[in-house]
Amino acid sequence: MALPRFAVGSKENMALRGTHIMSDGWASYAHSDQINGGIYSHSVIIHDRNFVDPLDDRIHTQSIEGT
């Protein structure tokens, strides 16, 4: 699920419990896995380093920019 940056403060109202959030390392997403007692999982891809997680190619942010 791609969340627009302006929705950061309300992501707990936009994503279902158990959603896996993949972000680009923007500081406001840093603790996404701790919201509401940890109902989300969170992976981070830092574009300066990788566009795809080198350990899991399912974790990427290629489609985030276009949503």
C-alpha atoms as a PDB file:
ATOM      1  CA  MET A   1       0.000   0.000   0.000  1.00  0.00           C
ATOM      2  CA  ALA A   2       1.515   3.323  -0.995  1.00  0.00           C
ATOM      3  CA  LEU A   3       0.824   6.143   1.432  1.00  0.00           C
ATOM      4  CA  PRO A   4       1.389   9.699   0.266  1.00  0.00           C
ATOM      5  CA  ARG A   5       3.799  11.692   2.408  1.00  0.00           C
ATOM      6  CA  PHE A   6       1.089  14.124   3.493  1.00  0.00           C
ATOM      7  CA  ALA A   7      -0.733  11.191   5.098  1.00  0.00           C
ATOM      8  CA  VAL A   8       2.046  10.323   7.536  1.00  0.00           C
ATOM      9  CA  GLY A   9       0.132  11.438  10.621  1.00  0.00           C
ATOM     10  CA  SER A  10      -2.892   9.403   9.642  1.00  0.00           C
ATOM     11  CA  LYS A  11      -1.401   6.170   8.323  1.00  0.00           C
ATOM     12  CA  GLU A  12      -2.995   4.241  11.183  1.00  0.00           C
ATOM     13  CA  ASN A  13      -6.351   5.360   9.751  1.00  0.00           C
ATOM     14  CA  MET A  14      -5.446   4.417   6.165  1.00  0.00           C
ATOM     15  CA  ALA A  15      -3.775   1.002   6.420  1.00  0.00           C
ATOM     16  CA  LEU A  16      -5.189  -2.280   7.697  1.00  0.00           C
ATOM     17  CA  ARG A  17      -3.758  -4.079  10.720  1.00  0.00           C
ATOM     18  CA  GLY A  18      -0.937  -6.337   9.542  1.00  0.00           C
ATOM     19  CA  THR A  19      -0.031  -4.160   6.549  1.00  0.00           C
ATOM     20  CA  HIS A  20       3.635  -4.314   5.566  1.00  0.00           C
ATOM     21  CA  ILE A  21       4.856  -0.763   4.942  1.00  0.00           C
ATOM     22  CA  MET A  22       7.802  -0.219   2.590  1.00  0.00           C
ATOM     23  CA  SER A  23       9.250   3.271   2.775  1.00  0.00           C
ATOM     24  CA  ASP A  24      12.127   5.258   1.369  1.00  0.00           C
ATOM     25  CA  GLY A  25      13.691   6.145   4.709  1.00  0.00           C
ATOM     26  CA  TRP A  26      11.902   9.448   5.192  1.00  0.00           C
ATOM     27  CA  ALA A  27      12.301  10.254   8.907  1.00  0.00           C
ATOM     28  CA  SER A  28       8.560  10.450   9.608  1.00  0.00           C
ATOM     29  CA  TYR A  29       8.190   6.774   8.689  1.00  0.00           C
ATOM     30  CA  ALA A  30      11.000   5.643  11.019  1.00  0.00           C
ATOM     31  CA  HIS A  31       8.739   4.170  13.699  1.00  0.00           C
ATOM     32  CA  SER A  32       5.895   2.891  11.515  1.00  0.00           C
ATOM     33  CA  ASP A  33       6.276  -0.581  12.995  1.00  0.00           C
ATOM     34  CA  GLN A  34       5.523   0.804  16.487  1.00  0.00           C
ATOM     35  CA  ILE A  35       2.188   2.539  15.768  1.00  0.00           C
ATOM     36  CA  ASN A  36      -0.769   1.236  17.768  1.00  0.00           C
ATOM     37  CA  GLY A  37       1.345  -1.356  19.539  1.00  0.00           C
ATOM     38  CA  GLY A  38       3.126  -2.642  16.441  1.00  0.00           C
ATOM     39  CA  ILE A  39       0.231  -3.591  14.166  1.00  0.00           C
ATOM     40  CA  TYR A  40       2.346  -2.919  11.037  1.00  0.00           C
ATOM     41  CA  SER A  41       5.634  -4.316   9.804  1.00  0.00           C
ATOM     42  CA  HIS A  42       8.063  -1.945   8.115  1.00  0.00           C
ATOM     43  CA  SER A  43      10.930  -2.265   5.643  1.00  0.00           C
ATOM     44  CA  VAL A  44      13.124   0.628   4.562  1.00  0.00           C
ATOM     45  CA  ILE A  45      14.966   1.127   1.298  1.00  0.00           C
ATOM     46  CA  ILE A  46      17.439   4.027   1.236  1.00  0.00           C
ATOM     47  CA  HIS A  47      17.648   5.160  -2.397  1.00  0.00           C
ATOM     48  CA  ASP A  48      21.234   6.339  -1.967  1.00  0.00           C
ATOM     49  CA  ARG A  49      22.163   2.700  -1.277  1.00  0.00           C
ATOM     50  CA  ASN A  50      19.597   0.508  -3.086  1.00  0.00           C
ATOM     51  CA  PHE A  51      16.296   0.575  -4.911  1.00  0.00           C
ATOM     52  CA  VAL A  52      15.678  -3.070  -4.025  1.00  0.00           C
ATOM     53  CA  ASP A  53      16.588  -4.797  -0.763  1.00  0.00           C
ATOM     54  CA  PRO A  54      19.650  -6.940  -1.574  1.00  0.00           C
ATOM     55  CA  LEU A  55      18.361  -9.708   0.721  1.00  0.00           C
ATOM     56  CA  ASP A  56      14.719  -9.736  -0.429  1.00  0.00           C
ATOM     57  CA  ASP A  57      13.782  -8.520  -3.919  1.00  0.00           C
ATOM     58  CA  ARG A  58      10.128  -8.249  -2.881  1.00  0.00           C
ATOM     59  CA  ILE A  59      11.080  -5.206  -0.799  1.00  0.00           C
ATOM     60  CA  HIS A  60      11.464  -2.192  -3.053  1.00  0.00           C
ATOM     61  CA  THR A  61      10.139   1.306  -3.516  1.00  0.00           C
ATOM     62  CA  GLN A  62      10.003   1.376  -7.300  1.00  0.00           C
ATOM     63  CA  SER A  63       6.232   1.960  -7.424  1.00  0.00           C
ATOM     64  CA  ILE A  64       5.965   4.376  -4.480  1.00  0.00           C
ATOM     65  CA  GLU A  65       7.109   7.432  -6.438  1.00  0.00           C
ATOM     66  CA  GLY A  66       4.381   7.000  -9.040  1.00  0.00           C
ATOM     67  CA  THR A  67       1.409   6.817  -6.683  1.00  0.00           C
END
